Amino acid sequence: MIKEIKYSFFTLVIILFLLFTNKYYFSDENKKKSFRSFNEIDNRISAYSKKLPILENDTKNIIEYIDQSNDKKKKKFNFWKLLKPNE
């Protein structure tokens, strides 16, 4: 009997919590507050973006293109031979 009352009490508390949370979340007051905060954030971003300096583009002609030859004779390097002492 006590176990059933305890479970019903827990269920009632959970349901009440969900109802009050939904009531607050979907209330007009909360919607107004969130809209005001979003507006204020947008205003701060636009004010800050007006103060940012614009940097000059200095990347013109920075890439040098090299013609690669299709030589199949490439020297193979062996790491372990490099570690051996010279004779």
PDB file of N, CA and C in Angstrom:
ATOM      1  N   MET A   1       0.825  -1.192   0.000  1.00  0.00           N
ATOM      2  CA  MET A   1       0.000   0.000   0.000  1.00  0.00           C
ATOM      3  C   MET A   1       0.871   1.259   0.000  1.00  0.00           C
ATOM      4  N   ILE A   2       1.882   1.299   0.854  1.00  0.00           N
ATOM      5  CA  ILE A   2       2.749   2.472   0.938  1.00  0.00           C
ATOM      6  C   ILE A   2       3.561   2.624  -0.348  1.00  0.00           C
ATOM      7  N   LYS A   3       3.936   1.507  -0.913  1.00  0.00           N
ATOM      8  CA  LYS A   3       4.704   1.528  -2.152  1.00  0.00           C
ATOM      9  C   LYS A   3       3.883   2.140  -3.287  1.00  0.00           C
ATOM     10  N   GLU A   4       2.605   1.815  -3.350  1.00  0.00           N
ATOM     11  CA  GLU A   4       1.730   2.364  -4.384  1.00  0.00           C
ATOM     12  C   GLU A   4       1.520   3.858  -4.194  1.00  0.00           C
ATOM     13  N   ILE A   5       1.387   4.287  -2.956  1.00  0.00           N
ATOM     14  CA  ILE A   5       1.228   5.713  -2.661  1.00  0.00           C
ATOM     15  C   ILE A   5       2.498   6.469  -3.043  1.00  0.00           C
ATOM     16  N   LYS A   6       3.635   5.866  -2.744  1.00  0.00           N
ATOM     17  CA  LYS A   6       4.913   6.487  -3.081  1.00  0.00           C
ATOM     18  C   LYS A   6       5.048   6.654  -4.599  1.00  0.00           C
ATOM     19  N   TYR A   7       4.701   5.626  -5.350  1.00  0.00           N
ATOM     20  CA  TYR A   7       4.794   5.702  -6.806  1.00  0.00           C
ATOM     21  C   TYR A   7       3.808   6.714  -7.388  1.00  0.00           C
ATOM     22  N   SER A   8       2.634   6.768  -6.836  1.00  0.00           N
ATOM     23  CA  SER A   8       1.653   7.744  -7.318  1.00  0.00           C
ATOM     24  C   SER A   8       2.112   9.167  -6.993  1.00  0.00           C
ATOM     25  N   PHE A   9       2.726   9.354  -5.812  1.00  0.00           N
ATOM     26  CA  PHE A   9       3.265  10.669  -5.461  1.00  0.00           C
ATOM     27  C   PHE A   9       4.379  11.076  -6.428  1.00  0.00           C
ATOM     28  N   PHE A  10       5.303  10.156  -6.734  1.00  0.00           N
ATOM     29  CA  PHE A  10       6.381  10.447  -7.692  1.00  0.00           C
ATOM     30  C   PHE A  10       5.824  10.790  -9.068  1.00  0.00           C
ATOM     31  N   THR A  11       4.829  10.033  -9.490  1.00  0.00           N
ATOM     32  CA  THR A  11       4.215  10.287 -10.790  1.00  0.00           C
ATOM     33  C   THR A  11       3.543  11.653 -10.808  1.00  0.00           C
ATOM     34  N   LEU A  12       2.855  12.000  -9.735  1.00  0.00           N
ATOM     35  CA  LEU A  12       2.189  13.301  -9.630  1.00  0.00           C
ATOM     36  C   LEU A  12       3.219  14.435  -9.664  1.00  0.00           C
ATOM     37  N   VAL A  13       4.324  14.282  -8.958  1.00  0.00           N
ATOM     38  CA  VAL A  13       5.361  15.312  -8.931  1.00  0.00           C
ATOM     39  C   VAL A  13       5.964  15.490 -10.326  1.00  0.00           C
ATOM     40  N   ILE A  14       6.213  14.408 -11.015  1.00  0.00           N
ATOM     41  CA  ILE A  14       6.789  14.493 -12.362  1.00  0.00           C
ATOM     42  C   ILE A  14       5.819  15.168 -13.324  1.00  0.00           C
ATOM     43  N   ILE A  15       4.565  14.810 -13.248  1.00  0.00           N
ATOM     44  CA  ILE A  15       3.558  15.422 -14.124  1.00  0.00           C
ATOM     45  C   ILE A  15       3.419  16.912 -13.831  1.00  0.00           C
ATOM     46  N   LEU A  16       3.378  17.283 -12.556  1.00  0.00           N
ATOM     47  CA  LEU A  16       3.290  18.703 -12.193  1.00  0.00           C
ATOM     48  C   LEU A  16       4.522  19.468 -12.671  1.00  0.00           C
ATOM     49  N   PHE A  17       5.677  18.874 -12.531  1.00  0.00           N
ATOM     50  CA  PHE A  17       6.895  19.525 -12.996  1.00  0.00           C
ATOM     51  C   PHE A  17       6.821  19.794 -14.504  1.00  0.00           C
ATOM     52  N   LEU A  18       6.407  18.804 -15.259  1.00  0.00           N
ATOM     53  CA  LEU A  18       6.306  18.966 -16.710  1.00  0.00           C
ATOM     54  C   LEU A  18       5.257  20.014 -17.088  1.00  0.00           C
ATOM     55  N   LEU A  19       4.139  20.008 -16.401  1.00  0.00           N
ATOM     56  CA  LEU A  19       3.095  20.989 -16.696  1.00  0.00           C
ATOM     57  C   LEU A  19       3.555  22.413 -16.407  1.00  0.00           C
ATOM     58  N   PHE A  20       4.172  22.638 -15.254  1.00  0.00           N
ATOM     59  CA  PHE A  20       4.628  23.982 -14.915  1.00  0.00           C
ATOM     60  C   PHE A  20       5.767  24.440 -15.819  1.00  0.00           C
ATOM     61  N   THR A  21       6.623  23.523 -16.188  1.00  0.00           N
ATOM     62  CA  THR A  21       7.712  23.867 -17.099  1.00  0.00           C
ATOM     63  C   THR A  21       7.164  24.286 -18.460  1.00  0.00           C
ATOM     64  N   ASN A  22       6.214  23.534 -18.973  1.00  0.00           N
ATOM     65  CA  ASN A  22       5.602  23.881 -20.264  1.00  0.00           C
ATOM     66  C   ASN A  22       4.825  25.182 -20.182  1.00  0.00           C
ATOM     67  N   LYS A  23       4.141  25.396 -19.068  1.00  0.00           N
ATOM     68  CA  LYS A  23       3.374  26.627 -18.899  1.00  0.00           C
ATOM     69  C   LYS A  23       4.305  27.842 -18.917  1.00  0.00           C
ATOM     70  N   TYR A  24       5.448  27.757 -18.244  1.00  0.00           N
ATOM     71  CA  TYR A  24       6.392  28.866 -18.239  1.00  0.00           C
ATOM     72  C   TYR A  24       7.057  29.031 -19.601  1.00  0.00           C
ATOM     73  N   TYR A  25       7.460  27.930 -20.205  1.00  0.00           N
ATOM     74  CA  TYR A  25       8.197  27.990 -21.460  1.00  0.00           C
ATOM     75  C   TYR A  25       7.352  28.589 -22.582  1.00  0.00           C
ATOM     76  N   PHE A  26       6.086  28.257 -22.637  1.00  0.00           N
ATOM     77  CA  PHE A  26       5.219  28.743 -23.702  1.00  0.00           C
ATOM     78  C   PHE A  26       4.440  30.000 -23.319  1.00  0.00           C
ATOM     79  N   SER A  27       4.778  30.619 -22.204  1.00  0.00           N
ATOM     80  CA  SER A  27       4.072  31.826 -21.790  1.00  0.00           C
ATOM     81  C   SER A  27       4.519  33.021 -22.638  1.00  0.00           C
ATOM     82  N   ASP A  28       3.644  34.014 -22.713  1.00  0.00           N
ATOM     83  CA  ASP A  28       3.955  35.222 -23.491  1.00  0.00           C
ATOM     84  C   ASP A  28       5.104  36.003 -22.866  1.00  0.00           C
ATOM     85  N   GLU A  29       5.187  35.994 -21.547  1.00  0.00           N
ATOM     86  CA  GLU A  29       6.259  36.723 -20.867  1.00  0.00           C
ATOM     87  C   GLU A  29       7.629  36.155 -21.233  1.00  0.00           C
ATOM     88  N   ASN A  30       7.737  34.851 -21.265  1.00  0.00           N
ATOM     89  CA  ASN A  30       9.009  34.223 -21.625  1.00  0.00           C
ATOM     90  C   ASN A  30       9.347  34.502 -23.088  1.00  0.00           C
ATOM     91  N   LYS A  31       8.353  34.476 -23.956  1.00  0.00           N
ATOM     92  CA  LYS A  31       8.593  34.771 -25.375  1.00  0.00           C
ATOM     93  C   LYS A  31       9.084  36.204 -25.557  1.00  0.00           C
ATOM     94  N   LYS A  32       8.497  37.143 -24.798  1.00  0.00           N
ATOM     95  CA  LYS A  32       8.932  38.538 -24.891  1.00  0.00           C
ATOM     96  C   LYS A  32      10.368  38.696 -24.406  1.00  0.00           C
ATOM     97  N   LYS A  33      10.707  38.040 -23.294  1.00  0.00           N
ATOM     98  CA  LYS A  33      12.064  38.137 -22.754  1.00  0.00           C
ATOM     99  C   LYS A  33      13.083  37.560 -23.721  1.00  0.00           C
ATOM    100  N   SER A  34      12.755  36.419 -24.308  1.00  0.00           N
ATOM    101  CA  SER A  34      13.704  35.803 -25.239  1.00  0.00           C
ATOM    102  C   SER A  34      13.855  36.658 -26.483  1.00  0.00           C
ATOM    103  N   PHE A  35      12.765  37.246 -26.987  1.00  0.00           N
ATOM    104  CA  PHE A  35      12.852  38.112 -28.160  1.00  0.00           C
ATOM    105  C   PHE A  35      13.694  39.340 -27.852  1.00  0.00           C
ATOM    106  N   ARG A  36      13.510  39.911 -26.663  1.00  0.00           N
ATOM    107  CA  ARG A  36      14.307  41.082 -26.282  1.00  0.00           C
ATOM    108  C   ARG A  36      15.789  40.734 -26.183  1.00  0.00           C
ATOM    109  N   SER A  37      16.108  39.587 -25.623  1.00  0.00           N
ATOM    110  CA  SER A  37      17.512  39.209 -25.507  1.00  0.00           C
ATOM    111  C   SER A  37      18.121  38.946 -26.880  1.00  0.00           C
ATOM    112  N   PHE A  38      17.350  38.331 -27.784  1.00  0.00           N
ATOM    113  CA  PHE A  38      17.853  38.121 -29.144  1.00  0.00           C
ATOM    114  C   PHE A  38      18.091  39.450 -29.844  1.00  0.00           C
ATOM    115  N   ASN A  39      17.166  40.397 -29.644  1.00  0.00           N
ATOM    116  CA  ASN A  39      17.323  41.728 -30.234  1.00  0.00           C
ATOM    117  C   ASN A  39      18.555  42.425 -29.690  1.00  0.00           C
ATOM    118  N   GLU A  40      18.769  42.322 -28.394  1.00  0.00           N
ATOM    119  CA  GLU A  40      19.924  42.973 -27.774  1.00  0.00           C
ATOM    120  C   GLU A  40      21.233  42.365 -28.267  1.00  0.00           C
ATOM    121  N   ILE A  41      21.257  41.064 -28.434  1.00  0.00           N
ATOM    122  CA  ILE A  41      22.449  40.404 -28.955  1.00  0.00           C
ATOM    123  C   ILE A  41      22.726  40.857 -30.383  1.00  0.00           C
ATOM    124  N   ASP A  42      21.672  40.964 -31.208  1.00  0.00           N
ATOM    125  CA  ASP A  42      21.842  41.445 -32.580  1.00  0.00           C
ATOM    126  C   ASP A  42      22.364  42.876 -32.608  1.00  0.00           C
ATOM    127  N   ASN A  43      21.852  43.714 -31.706  1.00  0.00           N
ATOM    128  CA  ASN A  43      22.328  45.104 -31.647  1.00  0.00           C
ATOM    129  C   ASN A  43      23.800  45.172 -31.236  1.00  0.00           C
ATOM    130  N   ARG A  44      24.194  44.351 -30.273  1.00  0.00           N
ATOM    131  CA  ARG A  44      25.597  44.325 -29.848  1.00  0.00           C
ATOM    132  C   ARG A  44      26.507  43.857 -30.974  1.00  0.00           C
ATOM    133  N   ILE A  45      26.065  42.842 -31.707  1.00  0.00           N
ATOM    134  CA  ILE A  45      26.873  42.329 -32.812  1.00  0.00           C
ATOM    135  C   ILE A  45      27.025  43.382 -33.898  1.00  0.00           C
ATOM    136  N   SER A  46      25.954  44.069 -34.239  1.00  0.00           N
ATOM    137  CA  SER A  46      26.051  45.093 -35.289  1.00  0.00           C
ATOM    138  C   SER A  46      26.913  46.263 -34.832  1.00  0.00           C
ATOM    139  N   ALA A  47      26.836  46.651 -33.556  1.00  0.00           N
ATOM    140  CA  ALA A  47      27.683  47.743 -33.057  1.00  0.00           C
ATOM    141  C   ALA A  47      29.145  47.326 -33.046  1.00  0.00           C
ATOM    142  N   TYR A  48      29.419  46.093 -32.661  1.00  0.00           N
ATOM    143  CA  TYR A  48      30.798  45.612 -32.624  1.00  0.00           C
ATOM    144  C   TYR A  48      31.363  45.455 -34.030  1.00  0.00           C
ATOM    145  N   SER A  49      30.522  45.028 -34.968  1.00  0.00           N
ATOM    146  CA  SER A  49      31.017  44.830 -36.334  1.00  0.00           C
ATOM    147  C   SER A  49      31.347  46.158 -37.012  1.00  0.00           C
ATOM    148  N   LYS A  50      30.703  47.239 -36.593  1.00  0.00           N
ATOM    149  CA  LYS A  50      31.031  48.554 -37.163  1.00  0.00           C
ATOM    150  C   LYS A  50      32.402  49.034 -36.698  1.00  0.00           C
ATOM    151  N   LYS A  51      32.850  48.581 -35.529  1.00  0.00           N
ATOM    152  CA  LYS A  51      34.144  48.999 -34.986  1.00  0.00           C
ATOM    153  C   LYS A  51      35.314  48.180 -35.514  1.00  0.00           C
ATOM    154  N   LEU A  52      35.039  47.044 -36.156  1.00  0.00           N
ATOM    155  CA  LEU A  52      36.118  46.182 -36.630  1.00  0.00           C
ATOM    156  C   LEU A  52      36.869  46.817 -37.796  1.00  0.00           C
ATOM    157  N   PRO A  53      38.197  46.758 -37.760  1.00  0.00           N
ATOM    158  CA  PRO A  53      38.948  47.298 -38.890  1.00  0.00           C
ATOM    159  C   PRO A  53      38.917  46.321 -40.064  1.00  0.00           C
ATOM    160  N   ILE A  54      38.960  46.875 -41.257  1.00  0.00           N
ATOM    161  CA  ILE A  54      38.982  46.047 -42.459  1.00  0.00           C
ATOM    162  C   ILE A  54      40.430  45.897 -42.877  1.00  0.00           C
ATOM    163  N   LEU A  55      40.900  44.670 -42.978  1.00  0.00           N
ATOM    164  CA  LEU A  55      42.286  44.402 -43.320  1.00  0.00           C
ATOM    165  C   LEU A  55      42.466  44.398 -44.835  1.00  0.00           C
ATOM    166  N   GLU A  56      43.630  44.864 -45.256  1.00  0.00           N
ATOM    167  CA  GLU A  56      43.941  44.908 -46.674  1.00  0.00           C
ATOM    168  C   GLU A  56      44.331  43.506 -47.162  1.00  0.00           C
ATOM    169  N   ASN A  57      43.930  43.192 -48.359  1.00  0.00           N
ATOM    170  CA  ASN A  57      44.242  41.899 -48.950  1.00  0.00           C
ATOM    171  C   ASN A  57      45.695  41.904 -49.421  1.00  0.00           C
ATOM    172  N   ASP A  58      46.521  41.028 -48.843  1.00  0.00           N
ATOM    173  CA  ASP A  58      47.928  40.968 -49.230  1.00  0.00           C
ATOM    174  C   ASP A  58      48.296  39.596 -49.798  1.00  0.00           C
ATOM    175  N   THR A  59      47.331  38.911 -50.373  1.00  0.00           N
ATOM    176  CA  THR A  59      47.601  37.571 -50.881  1.00  0.00           C
ATOM    177  C   THR A  59      47.619  37.503 -52.402  1.00  0.00           C
ATOM    178  N   LYS A  60      47.785  38.621 -53.059  1.00  0.00           N
ATOM    179  CA  LYS A  60      47.818  38.610 -54.523  1.00  0.00           C
ATOM    180  C   LYS A  60      49.154  38.073 -55.005  1.00  0.00           C
ATOM    181  N   ASN A  61      49.103  37.215 -55.986  1.00  0.00           N
ATOM    182  CA  ASN A  61      50.286  36.625 -56.622  1.00  0.00           C
ATOM    183  C   ASN A  61      51.223  35.967 -55.615  1.00  0.00           C
ATOM    184  N   ILE A  62      50.677  35.300 -54.649  1.00  0.00           N
ATOM    185  CA  ILE A  62      51.507  34.651 -53.641  1.00  0.00           C
ATOM    186  C   ILE A  62      51.832  33.207 -54.030  1.00  0.00           C
ATOM    187  N   ILE A  63      51.045  32.647 -54.925  1.00  0.00           N
ATOM    188  CA  ILE A  63      51.254  31.253 -55.322  1.00  0.00           C
ATOM    189  C   ILE A  63      52.131  31.224 -56.568  1.00  0.00           C
ATOM    190  N   GLU A  64      53.187  30.431 -56.493  1.00  0.00           N
ATOM    191  CA  GLU A  64      54.059  30.239 -57.648  1.00  0.00           C
ATOM    192  C   GLU A  64      53.817  28.835 -58.174  1.00  0.00           C
ATOM    193  N   TYR A  65      53.471  28.769 -59.428  1.00  0.00           N
ATOM    194  CA  TYR A  65      53.218  27.474 -60.044  1.00  0.00           C
ATOM    195  C   TYR A  65      54.509  26.939 -60.646  1.00  0.00           C
ATOM    196  N   ILE A  66      54.775  25.668 -60.388  1.00  0.00           N
ATOM    197  CA  ILE A  66      55.986  25.018 -60.877  1.00  0.00           C
ATOM    198  C   ILE A  66      55.560  23.913 -61.827  1.00  0.00           C
ATOM    199  N   ASP A  67      56.192  23.876 -62.985  1.00  0.00           N
ATOM    200  CA  ASP A  67      55.906  22.790 -63.913  1.00  0.00           C
ATOM    201  C   ASP A  67      56.579  21.533 -63.404  1.00  0.00           C
ATOM    202  N   GLN A  68      55.802  20.522 -63.198  1.00  0.00           N
ATOM    203  CA  GLN A  68      56.366  19.270 -62.701  1.00  0.00           C
ATOM    204  C   GLN A  68      56.690  18.371 -63.880  1.00  0.00           C
ATOM    205  N   SER A  69      57.863  17.825 -63.841  1.00  0.00           N
ATOM    206  CA  SER A  69      58.233  16.893 -64.898  1.00  0.00           C
ATOM    207  C   SER A  69      57.749  15.502 -64.533  1.00  0.00           C
ATOM    208  N   ASN A  70      57.535  14.716 -65.529  1.00  0.00           N
ATOM    209  CA  ASN A  70      57.032  13.367 -65.316  1.00  0.00           C
ATOM    210  C   ASN A  70      58.163  12.346 -65.351  1.00  0.00           C
ATOM    211  N   ASP A  71      59.265  12.679 -64.743  1.00  0.00           N
ATOM    212  CA  ASP A  71      60.387  11.742 -64.709  1.00  0.00           C
ATOM    213  C   ASP A  71      60.052  10.581 -63.797  1.00  0.00           C
ATOM    214  N   LYS A  72      60.268   9.398 -64.326  1.00  0.00           N
ATOM    215  CA  LYS A  72      60.018   8.200 -63.535  1.00  0.00           C
ATOM    216  C   LYS A  72      61.228   7.835 -62.689  1.00  0.00           C
ATOM    217  N   LYS A  73      62.353   8.469 -62.929  1.00  0.00           N
ATOM    218  CA  LYS A  73      63.575   8.145 -62.198  1.00  0.00           C
ATOM    219  C   LYS A  73      63.647   9.019 -60.946  1.00  0.00           C
ATOM    220  N   LYS A  74      63.062   8.550 -59.916  1.00  0.00           N
ATOM    221  CA  LYS A  74      63.141   9.260 -58.647  1.00  0.00           C
ATOM    222  C   LYS A  74      64.043   8.485 -57.725  1.00  0.00           C
ATOM    223  N   LYS A  75      64.829   9.212 -57.008  1.00  0.00           N
ATOM    224  CA  LYS A  75      65.751   8.573 -56.080  1.00  0.00           C
ATOM    225  C   LYS A  75      64.953   8.054 -54.893  1.00  0.00           C
ATOM    226  N   LYS A  76      65.173   6.796 -54.560  1.00  0.00           N
ATOM    227  CA  LYS A  76      64.487   6.200 -53.419  1.00  0.00           C
ATOM    228  C   LYS A  76      65.348   6.381 -52.181  1.00  0.00           C
ATOM    229  N   PHE A  77      64.745   6.884 -51.170  1.00  0.00           N
ATOM    230  CA  PHE A  77      65.444   7.080 -49.918  1.00  0.00           C
ATOM    231  C   PHE A  77      65.075   5.956 -48.964  1.00  0.00           C
ATOM    232  N   ASN A  78      66.091   5.461 -48.304  1.00  0.00           N
ATOM    233  CA  ASN A  78      65.870   4.405 -47.342  1.00  0.00           C
ATOM    234  C   ASN A  78      66.297   4.932 -45.971  1.00  0.00           C
ATOM    235  N   PHE A  79      65.368   4.984 -45.087  1.00  0.00           N
ATOM    236  CA  PHE A  79      65.618   5.573 -43.778  1.00  0.00           C
ATOM    237  C   PHE A  79      66.672   4.806 -43.001  1.00  0.00           C
ATOM    238  N   TRP A  80      66.643   3.498 -43.054  1.00  0.00           N
ATOM    239  CA  TRP A  80      67.567   2.702 -42.255  1.00  0.00           C
ATOM    240  C   TRP A  80      69.001   2.836 -42.764  1.00  0.00           C
ATOM    241  N   LYS A  81      69.186   3.047 -44.040  1.00  0.00           N
ATOM    242  CA  LYS A  81      70.534   3.247 -44.574  1.00  0.00           C
ATOM    243  C   LYS A  81      71.105   4.594 -44.140  1.00  0.00           C
ATOM    244  N   LEU A  82      70.268   5.529 -43.908  1.00  0.00           N
ATOM    245  CA  LEU A  82      70.728   6.826 -43.440  1.00  0.00           C
ATOM    246  C   LEU A  82      71.268   6.769 -42.011  1.00  0.00           C
ATOM    247  N   LEU A  83      70.795   5.821 -41.242  1.00  0.00           N
ATOM    248  CA  LEU A  83      71.235   5.689 -39.865  1.00  0.00           C
ATOM    249  C   LEU A  83      72.560   4.952 -39.722  1.00  0.00           C
ATOM    250  N   LYS A  84      72.949   4.220 -40.725  1.00  0.00           N
ATOM    251  CA  LYS A  84      74.211   3.486 -40.665  1.00  0.00           C
ATOM    252  C   LYS A  84      75.376   4.472 -40.761  1.00  0.00           C
ATOM    253  N   PRO A  85      76.478   4.180 -40.048  1.00  0.00           N
ATOM    254  CA  PRO A  85      77.619   5.098 -40.113  1.00  0.00           C
ATOM    255  C   PRO A  85      78.291   5.038 -41.493  1.00  0.00           C
ATOM    256  N   ASN A  86      78.853   6.180 -41.891  1.00  0.00           N
ATOM    257  CA  ASN A  86      79.551   6.242 -43.178  1.00  0.00           C
ATOM    258  C   ASN A  86      80.861   5.484 -43.101  1.00  0.00           C
ATOM    259  N   GLU A  87      81.218   4.850 -44.192  1.00  0.00           N
ATOM    260  CA  GLU A  87      82.454   4.083 -44.223  1.00  0.00           C
ATOM    261  C   GLU A  87      83.594   4.872 -44.815  1.00  0.00           C
TER     262      GLU A  87
END
